[in-house]
Amino acid sequence: MKERILENEYWYGACVKYGLDMPLHEKSECELDFSSNNTPNQAMPFLVSSRGRYLWRETGFKIKFHKGIMEFPDDVLMVSGYSNLKGAYLAGMQRHFPFHKKTPAKNLFHKNIYCTWIELTFDQNQKDILKYAKSILDHGMPAGVLIIDDGWSENYGDWRFHSGKFPDAKEMIAKLHDMGFEVMLWMCPYITADTVAYRKALKKDILVKQEDGDTYIVKWWNGYSAVLDISNPKAQEWLSEQLNELKVLGVDGFKFDGGDSLHYREDNVTALSISPDEHCNLWAGFGEQFEYNEYRSGFRAGGYALLQRLCDKDHSWDNNGISSLIPDTLLQGVTGHPYSCPDMIGGGEYLNFQEMEESNLDQELFVRHCEIACLMPAIQFSAAPYRVLSEENFKAIKRSLKVRDKYLNKIMNYVDLAAETGEPVIRYMSYEFPEEPVERISDQFMLGNNLLVAPIYQKNCTGREVYLPKGSWKLGDEKVLSQGEKLYRESQPGCPLVFEKI
């Protein structure tokens, strides 16, 4: 099917990793292929237009933009008749991915999240986890949700605490709770081959197979593993039993990693004979039973009550680093993923981060990442800022946390509103101001409908240009009557510019 792009029409959607490529318009020359999600982040078979149209198909598809024409498969649904981006998004959401009327655990937004990954990587152990938690409090940062990352278990698929690394996991969790932390554990749908857990899963017939009947072994970032067939109710029951035993120990929830579409194959043999994207979708659905959850990858999980983190970002200013945080989060919003987290402060790509730390860790970048994250729905630390930053730059981190405290009630209100209405928490300017020439702005955002947030995301800058829509605004003690114009303002490191509509 071919469809002409309207004058001044801008399209947003598909894969969250495309944030910097959005919006697409009549002069765009590109082809998006998300017939299967090959990105490390969320994907939705949905594109939505500033002129009140949207595209939808239950499965992913290819779309080509060329000489003012969109070309896509005939079975893709094209719906028009809505006045703007907001109208088309809400109509598409209500019809195709209505929200589940609940949010992830409120403390995932109300408190800071701390992940042990950068500090401990694969050396997760009881002594150092308690030391990390204590150091957070000792340096004047508040207790929050502590995620114990990969390396805590006996093996993948054997979701028990490693007895050598954790001599008394129950006592550790009790101490963390006493310190004010909730506790989450990393886990994945993969099973280390040639282990007792693998043999049990094989006997239960709950593993993904090849066409010849042998166990399917996937190559993923941690090597080679068997894969749990999450389409099999017996597999879900087996995994739930293990996770519920951990909850008896005091664990509050889980970071559900893996399950990416690209780690399955079309010819996999499974209980329900499903596609790679459907595997990914079922993995997301499985985790929704736990109020404390986190996901990084997903397909057609818009509207689910899941904390959706951006994929691991480089410790850099470029398009795979800090520059992508706002554009990707904005795209999460109009694809049904409002409960978002802009990766770990400073970047979550640990090899990249460690290399930089040994030579030239960019403290300014660390501060600016926190400045961006402080008014996002969730904020997550991993590398301890008081360890890697100077005293002056650590003070900037604390300033960001004070900014978050100031607006936390608004963040929480918009998180609750998202569950009821499906509206994004972090919104494109064009979502709130359809009559203004703001469709291509993706380096500032609206928090709800009346807070315009403009963090600094470029190196060696002390201020930035902001587009301020028509109307009366307040920036601190300054009142601005805008005719719809660009203005320049400076800000203290760690403090994003926040204009309140009055």
Protein backbone atom coordinates (compact mmCIF):
# COMPACT_ATOMS: atom_id res chain seq x y z
CA MET A 1 0.00 0.00 0.00
CA LYS A 2 1.19 3.52 -0.79
CA GLU A 3 0.04 6.58 1.07
CA ARG A 4 1.05 10.19 0.50
CA ILE A 5 2.54 12.02 3.45
CA LEU A 6 0.49 15.13 4.19
CA GLU A 7 1.93 18.62 4.24
CA ASN A 8 3.56 19.34 7.60
CA GLU A 9 2.88 15.80 8.74
CA TYR A 10 5.32 14.14 11.12
CA TRP A 11 5.38 10.47 12.11
CA TYR A 12 6.64 8.89 15.36
CA GLY A 13 6.80 5.29 16.54
CA ALA A 14 7.99 1.73 15.93
CA CYS A 15 11.19 1.02 17.88
CA VAL A 16 12.33 3.10 20.86
CA LYS A 17 15.92 2.84 19.61
CA TYR A 18 14.86 5.02 16.64
CA GLY A 19 14.35 8.05 18.90
CA LEU A 20 16.99 10.20 17.22
CA ASP A 21 15.50 9.40 13.78
CA MET A 22 12.10 10.77 14.72
CA PRO A 23 9.99 12.30 13.42
CA LEU A 24 9.75 11.08 9.83
CA HIS A 25 8.19 13.44 7.28
CA GLU A 26 7.63 14.17 3.58
CA LYS A 27 11.34 14.73 2.93
CA SER A 28 12.52 11.60 4.79
CA GLU A 29 14.30 8.97 2.71
CA CYS A 30 14.53 5.78 4.72
CA GLU A 31 13.21 2.28 5.30
CA LEU A 32 12.34 0.93 8.73
CA ASP A 33 12.35 -2.83 9.09
CA PHE A 34 10.80 -3.91 12.35
CA SER A 35 9.14 -7.02 10.95
CA SER A 36 10.94 -8.55 13.93
CA ASN A 37 12.42 -6.43 16.69
CA ASN A 38 16.18 -6.55 16.20
CA THR A 39 16.84 -3.70 18.62
CA PRO A 40 17.76 -4.02 22.32
CA ASN A 41 14.77 -1.94 23.43
CA GLN A 42 10.99 -1.81 23.23
CA ALA A 43 9.12 -2.01 19.92
CA MET A 44 5.49 -1.48 18.96
CA PRO A 45 3.87 -2.12 15.55
CA PHE A 46 2.49 1.43 15.72
CA LEU A 47 3.29 4.76 14.09
CA VAL A 48 1.38 7.90 14.89
CA SER A 49 1.15 11.20 13.05
CA SER A 50 1.00 14.86 14.04
CA ARG A 51 -1.88 15.20 11.57
CA GLY A 52 -4.09 12.76 13.46
CA ARG A 53 -3.40 9.47 11.68
CA TYR A 54 -1.88 6.20 12.81
CA LEU A 55 -0.65 2.88 11.45
CA TRP A 56 -1.08 -0.43 13.26
CA ARG A 57 -0.56 -4.13 12.73
CA GLU A 58 -0.50 -6.88 15.33
CA THR A 59 2.93 -7.94 14.04
CA GLY A 60 5.91 -5.84 13.05
CA PHE A 61 6.30 -4.64 9.48
CA LYS A 62 8.48 -2.75 7.04
CA ILE A 63 7.75 0.81 5.99
CA LYS A 64 9.51 2.93 3.38
CA PHE A 65 9.55 6.74 3.20
CA HIS A 66 10.48 7.94 -0.29
CA LYS A 67 9.68 11.14 -2.23
CA GLY A 68 6.79 12.05 0.04
CA ILE A 69 5.22 8.60 -0.09
CA MET A 70 4.91 5.93 2.61
CA GLU A 71 4.88 2.34 1.40
CA PHE A 72 3.85 -0.48 3.74
CA PRO A 73 2.10 -3.90 3.58
CA ASP A 74 -1.56 -3.96 2.56
CA ASP A 75 -2.65 -5.52 5.85
CA VAL A 76 -1.34 -2.61 7.91
CA LEU A 77 -4.28 -0.65 9.29
CA MET A 78 -4.29 3.06 8.42
CA VAL A 79 -6.68 5.14 10.56
CA SER A 80 -7.30 8.86 10.12
CA GLY A 81 -9.74 11.49 11.30
CA TYR A 82 -8.10 12.66 14.50
CA SER A 83 -6.92 16.22 14.78
CA ASN A 84 -3.39 15.86 16.08
CA LEU A 85 -0.71 13.64 17.63
CA LYS A 86 -2.47 13.38 20.99
CA GLY A 87 -5.84 12.50 19.45
CA ALA A 88 -4.37 9.83 17.18
CA TYR A 89 -2.22 8.33 19.94
CA LEU A 90 -5.12 8.07 22.39
CA ALA A 91 -7.40 6.55 19.76
CA GLY A 92 -4.81 3.99 18.70
CA MET A 93 -3.93 3.14 22.28
CA GLN A 94 -7.53 2.65 23.37
CA ARG A 95 -8.26 0.41 20.40
CA HIS A 96 -5.07 -1.66 20.15
CA PHE A 97 -3.10 -1.56 23.42
CA PRO A 98 -5.37 -0.34 26.22
CA PHE A 99 -3.56 0.13 29.51
CA HIS A 100 -3.89 -2.42 32.28
CA LYS A 101 -5.05 0.18 34.82
CA LYS A 102 -2.16 -0.39 37.18
CA THR A 103 1.42 0.81 37.61
CA PRO A 104 4.61 -0.92 38.65
CA ALA A 105 5.51 -0.50 42.33
CA LYS A 106 5.26 3.18 43.27
CA ASN A 107 8.63 3.06 45.02
CA LEU A 108 10.30 2.53 41.65
CA PHE A 109 9.41 6.17 40.98
CA HIS A 110 9.15 7.59 44.46
CA LYS A 111 12.62 6.41 45.45
CA ASN A 112 16.00 6.29 43.74
CA ILE A 113 16.94 3.00 42.13
CA TYR A 114 20.47 1.71 42.76
CA CYS A 115 21.90 -1.13 40.69
CA THR A 116 24.99 -3.08 41.77
CA TRP A 117 26.12 -3.72 38.18
CA ILE A 118 28.84 -1.11 37.58
CA GLU A 119 30.23 -1.36 41.11
CA LEU A 120 30.45 -5.17 41.27
CA THR A 121 29.77 -6.49 37.72
CA PHE A 122 29.88 -10.31 37.94
CA ASP A 123 31.37 -10.33 41.45
CA GLN A 124 28.05 -9.98 43.26
CA ASN A 125 28.47 -10.99 46.90
CA GLN A 126 26.85 -10.40 50.27
CA LYS A 127 29.69 -8.45 51.87
CA ASP A 128 30.15 -5.93 49.07
CA ILE A 129 26.43 -5.44 48.47
CA LEU A 130 25.94 -4.48 52.11
CA LYS A 131 29.00 -2.25 51.86
CA TYR A 132 27.59 -0.53 48.76
CA ALA A 133 24.21 0.05 50.44
CA LYS A 134 25.85 1.47 53.55
CA SER A 135 28.07 3.78 51.49
CA ILE A 136 24.99 5.22 49.78
CA LEU A 137 23.57 6.26 53.14
CA ASP A 138 26.94 7.36 54.53
CA HIS A 139 27.31 9.84 51.67
CA GLY A 140 23.95 11.46 52.28
CA MET A 141 21.97 9.77 49.53
CA PRO A 142 18.56 8.32 50.41
CA ALA A 143 17.75 4.63 50.59
CA GLY A 144 15.89 3.32 47.58
CA VAL A 145 15.29 0.22 45.50
CA LEU A 146 18.46 -1.87 45.29
CA ILE A 147 18.85 -4.14 42.26
CA ILE A 148 21.33 -6.99 42.75
CA ASP A 149 22.54 -7.69 39.24
CA ASP A 150 23.83 -10.69 37.29
CA GLY A 151 26.13 -13.01 39.21
CA TRP A 152 24.17 -13.63 42.41
CA SER A 153 22.73 -17.04 41.50
CA GLU A 154 24.14 -20.57 41.40
CA ASN A 155 23.58 -20.78 37.62
CA TYR A 156 21.21 -19.32 35.05
CA GLY A 157 17.95 -21.16 35.57
CA ASP A 158 18.92 -22.20 39.11
CA TRP A 159 17.57 -19.13 40.84
CA ARG A 160 19.04 -19.63 44.29
CA PHE A 161 21.64 -17.44 45.94
CA HIS A 162 25.17 -18.72 45.35
CA SER A 163 26.07 -20.34 48.67
CA GLY A 164 29.71 -19.26 48.50
CA LYS A 165 29.01 -15.62 47.70
CA PHE A 166 25.95 -15.31 49.95
CA PRO A 167 26.42 -17.25 53.21
CA ASP A 168 23.13 -15.91 54.60
CA ALA A 169 21.02 -14.24 51.92
CA LYS A 170 17.97 -13.96 54.14
CA GLU A 171 19.94 -12.05 56.75
CA MET A 172 21.41 -9.78 54.05
CA ILE A 173 17.96 -8.93 52.71
CA ALA A 174 16.68 -8.24 56.24
CA LYS A 175 19.59 -5.84 56.82
CA LEU A 176 18.91 -4.07 53.54
CA HIS A 177 15.26 -3.70 54.49
CA ASP A 178 16.26 -2.32 57.89
CA MET A 179 18.42 0.25 56.07
CA GLY A 180 15.37 1.33 54.07
CA PHE A 181 16.01 -0.49 50.79
CA GLU A 182 13.70 -2.68 48.74
CA VAL A 183 15.55 -5.53 47.03
CA MET A 184 15.27 -6.76 43.44
CA LEU A 185 17.23 -9.51 41.70
CA TRP A 186 18.40 -9.77 38.10
CA MET A 187 17.23 -12.82 36.17
CA CYS A 188 16.68 -14.06 32.61
CA PRO A 189 14.84 -16.82 30.67
CA TYR A 190 18.09 -18.66 29.89
CA ILE A 191 19.39 -21.85 31.52
CA THR A 192 23.00 -22.88 31.83
CA ALA A 193 23.42 -26.20 29.99
CA ASP A 194 24.84 -29.26 31.74
CA THR A 195 23.50 -28.26 35.16
CA VAL A 196 20.94 -29.80 37.47
CA ALA A 197 18.48 -27.04 36.58
CA TYR A 198 18.94 -27.82 32.88
CA ARG A 199 18.32 -31.51 33.44
CA LYS A 200 15.15 -30.76 35.43
CA ALA A 201 13.89 -28.44 32.70
CA LEU A 202 14.71 -31.04 30.05
CA LYS A 203 12.77 -33.69 31.95
CA LYS A 204 9.78 -31.36 32.29
CA ASP A 205 9.96 -30.62 28.54
CA ILE A 206 9.87 -26.85 29.05
CA LEU A 207 12.78 -25.78 26.85
CA VAL A 208 12.73 -24.26 23.36
CA LYS A 209 13.72 -26.85 20.76
CA GLN A 210 15.14 -27.02 17.27
CA GLU A 211 13.21 -28.57 14.40
CA ASP A 212 15.10 -31.86 14.90
CA GLY A 213 13.91 -32.04 18.51
CA ASP A 214 17.23 -31.15 20.13
CA THR A 215 17.42 -28.36 22.68
CA TYR A 216 17.85 -24.92 21.12
CA ILE A 217 21.03 -23.23 22.39
CA VAL A 218 21.15 -19.46 22.03
CA LYS A 219 24.28 -17.33 21.79
CA TRP A 220 23.71 -14.25 23.92
CA TRP A 221 25.97 -11.69 25.59
CA ASN A 222 26.97 -14.09 28.38
CA GLY A 223 27.72 -17.10 26.21
CA TYR A 224 25.54 -20.05 25.24
CA SER A 225 22.42 -21.23 27.06
CA ALA A 226 19.23 -23.20 26.71
CA VAL A 227 16.04 -21.13 26.60
CA LEU A 228 12.92 -21.51 28.70
CA ASP A 229 9.79 -21.94 26.58
CA ILE A 230 7.71 -19.24 28.18
CA SER A 231 4.76 -20.21 25.93
CA ASN A 232 4.48 -23.41 27.96
CA PRO A 233 2.36 -22.97 31.12
CA LYS A 234 4.53 -25.58 32.85
CA ALA A 235 7.60 -23.41 32.22
CA GLN A 236 5.93 -20.37 33.71
CA GLU A 237 4.84 -22.41 36.72
CA TRP A 238 8.38 -23.78 37.20
CA LEU A 239 9.91 -20.31 37.06
CA SER A 240 7.23 -18.74 39.27
CA GLU A 241 7.86 -21.36 41.95
CA GLN A 242 11.54 -20.41 42.08
CA LEU A 243 10.84 -16.70 42.17
CA ASN A 244 8.20 -17.05 44.86
CA GLU A 245 10.70 -18.97 47.01
CA LEU A 246 12.98 -15.94 46.71
CA LYS A 247 10.11 -13.70 47.77
CA VAL A 248 9.76 -15.83 50.90
CA LEU A 249 13.36 -14.85 51.69
CA GLY A 250 12.29 -11.21 51.47
CA VAL A 251 13.08 -10.36 47.84
CA ASP A 252 10.68 -7.67 46.62
CA GLY A 253 10.90 -8.20 42.86
CA PHE A 254 12.98 -8.84 39.78
CA LYS A 255 14.89 -7.23 36.94
CA PHE A 256 13.82 -9.30 33.94
CA ASP A 257 16.64 -9.17 31.43
CA GLY A 258 17.05 -11.00 28.12
CA GLY A 259 14.08 -12.39 26.26
CA ASP A 260 14.97 -10.20 23.27
CA SER A 261 13.25 -11.12 20.01
CA LEU A 262 16.63 -11.48 18.33
CA HIS A 263 17.56 -14.36 20.67
CA TYR A 264 14.85 -16.59 19.22
CA ARG A 265 14.44 -18.03 15.71
CA GLU A 266 11.44 -18.39 13.45
CA ASP A 267 11.97 -22.16 13.24
CA ASN A 268 12.07 -22.69 17.01
CA VAL A 269 9.76 -25.44 18.24
CA THR A 270 7.67 -24.31 21.21
CA ALA A 271 4.43 -25.21 22.93
CA LEU A 272 2.40 -22.57 21.09
CA SER A 273 4.43 -22.32 17.86
CA ILE A 274 5.02 -18.60 18.28
CA SER A 275 7.27 -16.02 16.60
CA PRO A 276 10.36 -14.42 18.20
CA ASP A 277 8.37 -11.23 18.86
CA GLU A 278 5.61 -13.24 20.55
CA HIS A 279 8.21 -14.91 22.76
CA CYS A 280 9.38 -11.45 23.79
CA ASN A 281 5.81 -10.35 24.45
CA LEU A 282 5.09 -13.37 26.66
CA TRP A 283 8.26 -12.70 28.63
CA ALA A 284 6.98 -9.19 29.36
CA GLY A 285 3.58 -10.51 30.35
CA PHE A 286 5.16 -13.01 32.73
CA GLY A 287 6.88 -10.28 34.74
CA GLU A 288 3.78 -8.18 35.20
CA GLN A 289 2.69 -10.47 38.05
CA PHE A 290 5.47 -8.93 40.15
CA GLU A 291 4.85 -5.35 41.23
CA TYR A 292 8.60 -4.65 41.49
CA ASN A 293 9.87 -5.28 37.98
CA GLU A 294 12.16 -3.88 35.31
CA TYR A 295 12.43 -4.63 31.59
CA ARG A 296 14.74 -3.42 28.83
CA SER A 297 13.42 -5.25 25.76
CA GLY A 298 9.85 -5.78 24.66
CA PHE A 299 7.43 -6.19 21.78
CA ARG A 300 3.82 -4.99 21.82
CA ALA A 301 3.98 -4.50 25.59
CA GLY A 302 2.53 -1.01 25.45
CA GLY A 303 0.15 -0.48 28.35
CA TYR A 304 1.73 -3.13 30.56
CA ALA A 305 2.51 -2.23 34.17
CA LEU A 306 6.26 -2.56 33.66
CA LEU A 307 9.20 -0.31 34.39
CA GLN A 308 10.81 -0.01 30.95
CA ARG A 309 14.50 0.98 31.01
CA LEU A 310 16.37 2.30 28.01
CA CYS A 311 19.06 -0.09 26.80
CA ASP A 312 22.61 0.21 28.13
CA LYS A 313 24.04 3.51 26.92
CA ASP A 314 27.67 4.32 26.27
CA HIS A 315 29.55 6.69 28.53
CA SER A 316 29.60 9.25 25.73
CA TRP A 317 27.97 12.41 24.39
CA ASP A 318 27.11 10.84 21.03
CA ASN A 319 24.06 9.15 19.58
CA ASN A 320 24.50 5.95 21.58
CA GLY A 321 25.11 7.90 24.74
CA ILE A 322 23.60 10.89 26.45
CA SER A 323 22.26 12.49 23.24
CA SER A 324 19.73 9.68 22.83
CA LEU A 325 18.22 9.79 26.33
CA ILE A 326 15.50 12.38 25.74
CA PRO A 327 14.61 11.32 22.15
CA ASP A 328 14.32 7.64 23.12
CA THR A 329 12.25 8.40 26.23
CA LEU A 330 9.91 10.61 24.21
CA LEU A 331 9.40 7.76 21.77
CA GLN A 332 8.64 5.41 24.67
CA GLY A 333 5.80 7.74 25.58
CA VAL A 334 3.93 7.58 22.26
CA THR A 335 4.43 3.83 21.93
CA GLY A 336 2.70 3.03 25.24
CA HIS A 337 5.69 2.79 27.61
CA PRO A 338 5.27 5.70 30.07
CA TYR A 339 6.93 4.02 33.07
CA SER A 340 10.40 4.75 31.81
CA CYS A 341 13.96 4.92 33.12
CA PRO A 342 16.75 6.57 31.07
CA ASP A 343 19.39 3.88 31.80
CA MET A 344 21.91 4.03 34.65
CA ILE A 345 23.45 7.43 35.42
CA GLY A 346 26.66 7.81 33.42
CA GLY A 347 25.88 4.85 31.15
CA GLY A 348 25.17 1.19 31.74
CA GLU A 349 27.52 -0.28 29.12
CA TYR A 350 29.97 -1.63 31.68
CA LEU A 351 32.98 -2.43 29.47
CA ASN A 352 32.80 0.99 27.89
CA PHE A 353 32.30 2.58 31.30
CA GLN A 354 35.21 0.73 32.92
CA GLU A 355 37.60 1.69 30.12
CA MET A 356 36.64 5.35 30.54
CA GLU A 357 36.92 5.16 34.32
CA GLU A 358 40.48 3.89 34.15
CA SER A 359 41.57 6.68 31.82
CA ASN A 360 39.29 9.65 31.36
CA LEU A 361 35.90 9.31 33.00
CA ASP A 362 33.89 12.33 31.93
CA GLN A 363 32.51 13.77 35.15
CA GLU A 364 30.61 16.49 33.31
CA LEU A 365 28.76 13.82 31.33
CA PHE A 366 27.89 11.97 34.53
CA VAL A 367 26.41 15.16 35.99
CA ARG A 368 24.42 15.98 32.85
CA HIS A 369 23.03 12.43 32.63
CA CYS A 370 21.70 12.84 36.16
CA GLU A 371 20.31 16.26 35.21
CA ILE A 372 18.32 14.62 32.41
CA ALA A 373 17.18 11.68 34.55
CA CYS A 374 16.09 13.68 37.58
CA LEU A 375 12.73 14.62 36.03
CA MET A 376 12.12 11.36 34.22
CA PRO A 377 9.67 8.87 35.78
CA ALA A 378 12.45 6.73 37.33
CA ILE A 379 16.07 7.57 38.15
CA GLN A 380 18.71 4.85 38.49
CA PHE A 381 22.28 4.95 39.79
CA SER A 382 24.87 2.22 39.40
CA ALA A 383 28.40 3.65 39.55
CA ALA A 384 28.57 5.31 42.96
CA PRO A 385 28.71 9.06 42.22
CA TYR A 386 30.63 9.84 45.40
CA ARG A 387 33.34 7.39 44.30
CA VAL A 388 33.80 8.50 40.70
CA LEU A 389 33.16 12.24 41.03
CA SER A 390 34.89 15.19 42.62
CA GLU A 391 33.25 16.75 45.65
CA GLU A 392 32.02 19.63 43.49
CA ASN A 393 30.44 17.35 40.92
CA PHE A 394 28.89 15.14 43.59
CA LYS A 395 27.21 18.29 44.91
CA ALA A 396 25.72 18.75 41.44
CA ILE A 397 24.23 15.23 41.70
CA LYS A 398 22.63 16.19 45.00
CA ARG A 399 21.23 19.34 43.37
CA SER A 400 19.54 17.15 40.76
CA LEU A 401 18.02 15.03 43.51
CA LYS A 402 16.68 18.20 45.16
CA VAL A 403 15.09 19.20 41.86
CA ARG A 404 13.48 15.77 41.69
CA ASP A 405 12.19 16.11 45.26
CA LYS A 406 10.62 19.45 44.36
CA TYR A 407 8.59 17.96 41.52
CA LEU A 408 8.18 14.41 42.82
CA ASN A 409 4.48 14.79 43.60
CA LYS A 410 3.86 15.85 40.00
CA ILE A 411 5.85 12.89 38.68
CA MET A 412 3.84 10.52 40.86
CA ASN A 413 0.56 12.12 39.76
CA TYR A 414 1.44 11.67 36.09
CA VAL A 415 2.51 8.06 36.69
CA ASP A 416 -0.91 7.39 38.23
CA LEU A 417 -2.62 9.24 35.38
CA ALA A 418 -0.81 7.10 32.81
CA ALA A 419 -2.39 3.96 34.27
CA GLU A 420 -5.87 5.45 33.93
CA THR A 421 -5.63 7.32 30.62
CA GLY A 422 -2.61 5.82 28.84
CA GLU A 423 -1.09 9.27 28.41
CA PRO A 424 2.72 9.58 28.43
CA VAL A 425 4.45 11.00 31.47
CA ILE A 426 7.23 12.43 29.28
CA ARG A 427 5.65 14.08 26.25
CA TYR A 428 6.74 15.50 22.91
CA MET A 429 6.24 19.23 22.57
CA SER A 430 3.96 18.44 19.62
CA TYR A 431 1.79 16.30 21.88
CA GLU A 432 0.89 19.30 24.05
CA PHE A 433 1.24 22.13 21.51
CA PRO A 434 -0.14 20.90 18.17
CA GLU A 435 -0.55 24.42 16.77
CA GLU A 436 3.10 25.35 17.30
CA PRO A 437 6.08 24.54 15.01
CA VAL A 438 7.58 22.06 17.49
CA GLU A 439 7.22 18.70 15.75
CA ARG A 440 10.96 18.23 15.28
CA ILE A 441 12.01 19.24 18.80
CA SER A 442 13.28 16.22 20.73
CA ASP A 443 15.88 17.71 23.09
CA GLN A 444 13.37 19.18 25.53
CA PHE A 445 10.18 17.65 26.85
CA MET A 446 6.95 18.21 28.68
CA LEU A 447 6.52 16.54 32.05
CA GLY A 448 2.78 16.14 31.96
CA ASN A 449 0.93 19.12 30.52
CA ASN A 450 2.45 22.09 32.31
CA LEU A 451 6.16 21.58 33.03
CA LEU A 452 8.63 22.18 30.19
CA VAL A 453 12.00 20.59 30.99
CA ALA A 454 15.19 21.47 29.11
CA PRO A 455 18.33 19.77 30.46
CA ILE A 456 21.82 20.40 29.05
CA TYR A 457 23.10 17.42 27.10
CA GLN A 458 26.11 18.86 25.23
CA LYS A 459 29.66 19.09 26.51
CA ASN A 460 31.15 22.35 27.78
CA CYS A 461 27.83 24.19 27.82
CA THR A 462 26.60 26.35 30.67
CA GLY A 463 23.24 27.13 29.11
CA ARG A 464 21.02 26.25 26.18
CA GLU A 465 18.37 27.46 23.78
CA VAL A 466 14.78 26.56 24.58
CA TYR A 467 11.65 26.89 22.47
CA LEU A 468 8.92 28.34 24.66
CA PRO A 469 5.36 28.00 23.28
CA LYS A 470 2.92 30.88 23.37
CA GLY A 471 1.66 31.83 26.80
CA SER A 472 2.78 32.75 30.27
CA TRP A 473 5.58 30.77 31.88
CA LYS A 474 7.56 30.84 35.09
CA LEU A 475 11.25 29.93 35.41
CA GLY A 476 12.13 30.16 39.08
CA ASP A 477 11.27 33.75 40.04
CA GLU A 478 11.30 34.92 36.40
CA LYS A 479 8.02 35.28 34.52
CA VAL A 480 8.08 35.04 30.74
CA LEU A 481 5.29 35.99 28.36
CA SER A 482 6.15 34.11 25.18
CA GLN A 483 4.87 34.74 21.68
CA GLY A 484 6.16 31.32 20.67
CA GLU A 485 9.89 31.92 20.56
CA LYS A 486 13.36 30.63 21.26
CA LEU A 487 15.29 31.97 24.21
CA TYR A 488 18.62 31.23 25.83
CA ARG A 489 19.07 30.62 29.54
CA GLU A 490 21.96 29.41 31.66
CA SER A 491 21.64 26.92 34.48
CA GLN A 492 23.71 25.54 37.31
CA PRO A 493 25.19 22.06 36.68
CA GLY A 494 22.71 19.44 37.83
CA CYS A 495 19.71 21.75 37.47
CA PRO A 496 17.66 21.41 34.28
CA LEU A 497 15.73 24.43 33.13
CA VAL A 498 12.13 23.94 34.25
CA PHE A 499 9.45 26.30 32.90
CA GLU A 500 6.05 26.06 34.55
CA LYS A 501 3.02 27.08 32.52
CA ILE A 502 0.91 29.66 34.37
